[in-house]
C-alpha atoms as a PDB file:
ATOM      1  CA  MET A   1      12.344  30.256 -28.772  1.00  0.00           C
ATOM      2  CA  LEU A   2      12.299  29.399 -32.488  1.00  0.00           C
ATOM      3  CA  SER A   3       9.421  30.684 -34.557  1.00  0.00           C
ATOM      4  CA  GLU A   4       8.431  31.133 -38.154  1.00  0.00           C
ATOM      5  CA  LEU A   5       8.440  34.670 -39.445  1.00  0.00           C
ATOM      6  CA  GLU A   6       6.324  37.269 -37.733  1.00  0.00           C
ATOM      7  CA  PRO A   7       5.467  40.744 -39.057  1.00  0.00           C
ATOM      8  CA  GLY A   8       8.637  42.836 -39.236  1.00  0.00           C
ATOM      9  CA  ASP A   9      11.011  39.856 -39.264  1.00  0.00           C
ATOM     10  CA  LEU A  10      11.701  39.947 -43.012  1.00  0.00           C
ATOM     11  CA  GLY A  11      12.773  43.584 -42.953  1.00  0.00           C
ATOM     12  CA  TRP A  12      14.945  42.895 -39.916  1.00  0.00           C
ATOM     13  CA  LEU A  13      16.532  39.850 -41.585  1.00  0.00           C
ATOM     14  CA  ILE A  14      17.458  41.818 -44.703  1.00  0.00           C
ATOM     15  CA  SER A  15      18.767  44.773 -42.705  1.00  0.00           C
ATOM     16  CA  VAL A  16      20.818  42.783 -40.199  1.00  0.00           C
ATOM     17  CA  HIS A  17      22.216  40.520 -42.912  1.00  0.00           C
ATOM     18  CA  GLY A  18      23.409  43.586 -44.825  1.00  0.00           C
ATOM     19  CA  SER A  19      24.847  45.407 -41.823  1.00  0.00           C
ATOM     20  CA  SER A  20      26.513  42.288 -40.378  1.00  0.00           C
ATOM     21  CA  TYR A  21      28.221  41.361 -43.641  1.00  0.00           C
ATOM     22  CA  SER A  22      29.285  44.973 -44.144  1.00  0.00           C
ATOM     23  CA  ALA A  23      30.862  45.161 -40.686  1.00  0.00           C
ATOM     24  CA  GLU A  24      32.464  41.706 -40.767  1.00  0.00           C
ATOM     25  CA  PHE A  25      33.450  41.355 -44.431  1.00  0.00           C
ATOM     26  CA  GLY A  26      33.312  44.832 -45.965  1.00  0.00           C
ATOM     27  CA  PHE A  27      30.355  44.110 -48.271  1.00  0.00           C
ATOM     28  CA  ASP A  28      28.561  47.150 -49.711  1.00  0.00           C
ATOM     29  CA  SER A  29      24.841  47.898 -50.089  1.00  0.00           C
ATOM     30  CA  HIS A  30      24.603  45.780 -53.247  1.00  0.00           C
ATOM     31  CA  PHE A  31      24.865  42.714 -51.020  1.00  0.00           C
ATOM     32  CA  GLU A  32      21.813  43.799 -49.014  1.00  0.00           C
ATOM     33  CA  ILE A  33      19.887  44.350 -52.253  1.00  0.00           C
ATOM     34  CA  ASP A  34      20.852  40.840 -53.354  1.00  0.00           C
ATOM     35  CA  ILE A  35      19.646  39.407 -50.035  1.00  0.00           C
ATOM     36  CA  ALA A  36      16.318  41.215 -50.429  1.00  0.00           C
ATOM     37  CA  ARG A  37      15.891  39.703 -53.907  1.00  0.00           C
ATOM     38  CA  LYS A  38      16.686  36.217 -52.629  1.00  0.00           C
ATOM     39  CA  VAL A  39      14.188  36.514 -49.772  1.00  0.00           C
ATOM     40  CA  VAL A  40      11.485  37.649 -52.192  1.00  0.00           C
ATOM     41  CA  ASP A  41      12.361  34.768 -54.544  1.00  0.00           C
ATOM     42  CA  ILE A  42      11.864  32.221 -51.759  1.00  0.00           C
ATOM     43  CA  PHE A  43       8.395  33.529 -51.039  1.00  0.00           C
ATOM     44  CA  ASN A  44       7.424  33.905 -54.701  1.00  0.00           C
ATOM     45  CA  GLN A  45       7.822  30.166 -55.164  1.00  0.00           C
ATOM     46  CA  GLU A  46       4.656  28.190 -54.644  1.00  0.00           C
ATOM     47  CA  ASN A  47       6.278  25.690 -52.324  1.00  0.00           C
ATOM     48  CA  ASP A  48       5.116  25.015 -48.776  1.00  0.00           C
ATOM     49  CA  PHE A  49       8.488  23.436 -47.937  1.00  0.00           C
ATOM     50  CA  ASN A  50      10.351  26.773 -47.932  1.00  0.00           C
ATOM     51  CA  LYS A  51      10.641  28.260 -44.441  1.00  0.00           C
ATOM     52  CA  ILE A  52      12.530  30.864 -42.466  1.00  0.00           C
ATOM     53  CA  TRP A  53      12.864  30.598 -38.695  1.00  0.00           C
ATOM     54  CA  VAL A  54      13.938  33.266 -36.248  1.00  0.00           C
ATOM     55  CA  LYS A  55      15.568  32.486 -32.906  1.00  0.00           C
ATOM     56  CA  LYS A  56      14.535  34.833 -30.123  1.00  0.00           C
ATOM     57  CA  THR A  57      16.439  35.029 -26.857  1.00  0.00           C
ATOM     58  CA  ASP A  58      14.947  37.038 -23.982  1.00  0.00           C
ATOM     59  CA  GLY A  59      12.598  38.712 -26.471  1.00  0.00           C
ATOM     60  CA  ASN A  60      15.414  39.748 -28.821  1.00  0.00           C
ATOM     61  CA  ASN A  61      16.073  38.386 -32.289  1.00  0.00           C
ATOM     62  CA  ALA A  62      19.315  36.412 -32.061  1.00  0.00           C
ATOM     63  CA  GLY A  63      19.568  34.749 -35.469  1.00  0.00           C
ATOM     64  CA  TYR A  64      17.769  33.055 -38.295  1.00  0.00           C
ATOM     65  CA  VAL A  65      17.973  30.283 -40.856  1.00  0.00           C
ATOM     66  CA  ALA A  66      16.073  29.533 -44.044  1.00  0.00           C
ATOM     67  CA  VAL A  67      15.602  26.299 -45.918  1.00  0.00           C
ATOM     68  CA  SER A  68      14.252  25.889 -49.421  1.00  0.00           C
ATOM     69  CA  ASP A  69      13.451  22.984 -51.716  1.00  0.00           C
ATOM     70  CA  LYS A  70      16.026  22.433 -54.459  1.00  0.00           C
ATOM     71  CA  GLY A  71      14.319  19.360 -55.924  1.00  0.00           C
ATOM     72  CA  GLU A  72      15.488  15.756 -56.049  1.00  0.00           C
ATOM     73  CA  GLU A  73      15.004  15.437 -52.267  1.00  0.00           C
ATOM     74  CA  THR A  74      17.539  18.202 -51.629  1.00  0.00           C
ATOM     75  CA  ALA A  75      17.138  21.116 -49.240  1.00  0.00           C
ATOM     76  CA  PHE A  76      19.197  24.315 -49.420  1.00  0.00           C
ATOM     77  CA  VAL A  77      20.117  26.183 -46.245  1.00  0.00           C
ATOM     78  CA  ASN A  78      20.359  29.932 -46.695  1.00  0.00           C
ATOM     79  CA  PHE A  79      20.221  33.143 -44.665  1.00  0.00           C
ATOM     80  CA  PHE A  80      21.976  31.487 -41.754  1.00  0.00           C
ATOM     81  CA  LEU A  81      23.207  34.126 -39.345  1.00  0.00           C
ATOM     82  CA  VAL A  82      23.637  34.568 -35.608  1.00  0.00           C
ATOM     83  CA  LEU A  83      24.206  38.065 -34.293  1.00  0.00           C
ATOM     84  CA  SER A  84      27.653  38.478 -32.762  1.00  0.00           C
ATOM     85  CA  GLU A  85      26.359  39.059 -29.224  1.00  0.00           C
ATOM     86  CA  PHE A  86      24.583  35.676 -29.291  1.00  0.00           C
ATOM     87  CA  ARG A  87      27.432  33.610 -30.720  1.00  0.00           C
ATOM     88  CA  GLY A  88      28.920  30.845 -28.598  1.00  0.00           C
ATOM     89  CA  LYS A  89      25.587  30.241 -26.839  1.00  0.00           C
ATOM     90  CA  GLY A  90      24.208  27.364 -28.912  1.00  0.00           C
ATOM     91  CA  VAL A  91      21.980  29.506 -31.141  1.00  0.00           C
ATOM     92  CA  ALA A  92      23.613  28.319 -34.379  1.00  0.00           C
ATOM     93  CA  GLN A  93      23.365  24.682 -33.305  1.00  0.00           C
ATOM     94  CA  GLU A  94      19.677  25.047 -32.490  1.00  0.00           C
ATOM     95  CA  LEU A  95      18.909  26.771 -35.790  1.00  0.00           C
ATOM     96  CA  MET A  96      20.837  24.288 -37.935  1.00  0.00           C
ATOM     97  CA  SER A  97      19.476  21.264 -36.074  1.00  0.00           C
ATOM     98  CA  HIS A  98      15.950  22.544 -36.604  1.00  0.00           C
ATOM     99  CA  ALA A  99      16.525  23.128 -40.333  1.00  0.00           C
ATOM    100  CA  ILE A 100      18.031  19.650 -40.781  1.00  0.00           C
ATOM    101  CA  GLU A 101      15.278  17.907 -38.819  1.00  0.00           C
ATOM    102  CA  TYR A 102      12.561  19.814 -40.687  1.00  0.00           C
ATOM    103  CA  SER A 103      14.173  18.845 -44.000  1.00  0.00           C
ATOM    104  CA  ARG A 104      14.432  15.167 -43.039  1.00  0.00           C
ATOM    105  CA  ILE A 105      10.838  14.992 -41.842  1.00  0.00           C
ATOM    106  CA  ASN A 106       9.728  16.541 -45.124  1.00  0.00           C
ATOM    107  CA  GLY A 107      11.650  14.148 -47.347  1.00  0.00           C
ATOM    108  CA  ALA A 108      14.829  16.047 -48.115  1.00  0.00           C
END
């Protein structure tokens, strides 16, 4: 199931993004701080186009994707991550397809 953010999802997104990139790429805590700033920036913009969706599988968060308006009919995909235990199961395809379709429908 794909859904827009629910209470607690933003904190989870920031935390899992930081811990995943640390484990997979050796990033330090400054990366997680940067992610938190970027998430706040998306929501500080007065733009109804900007969205973040979470994919839940069997009641567990499996991944997420965000899309924001970059002007000139251009959308920017960000915060795209699928947890390792859910990879290879079509989660990424579903998230990206949803972000692309949403962007097209909304003129980007």
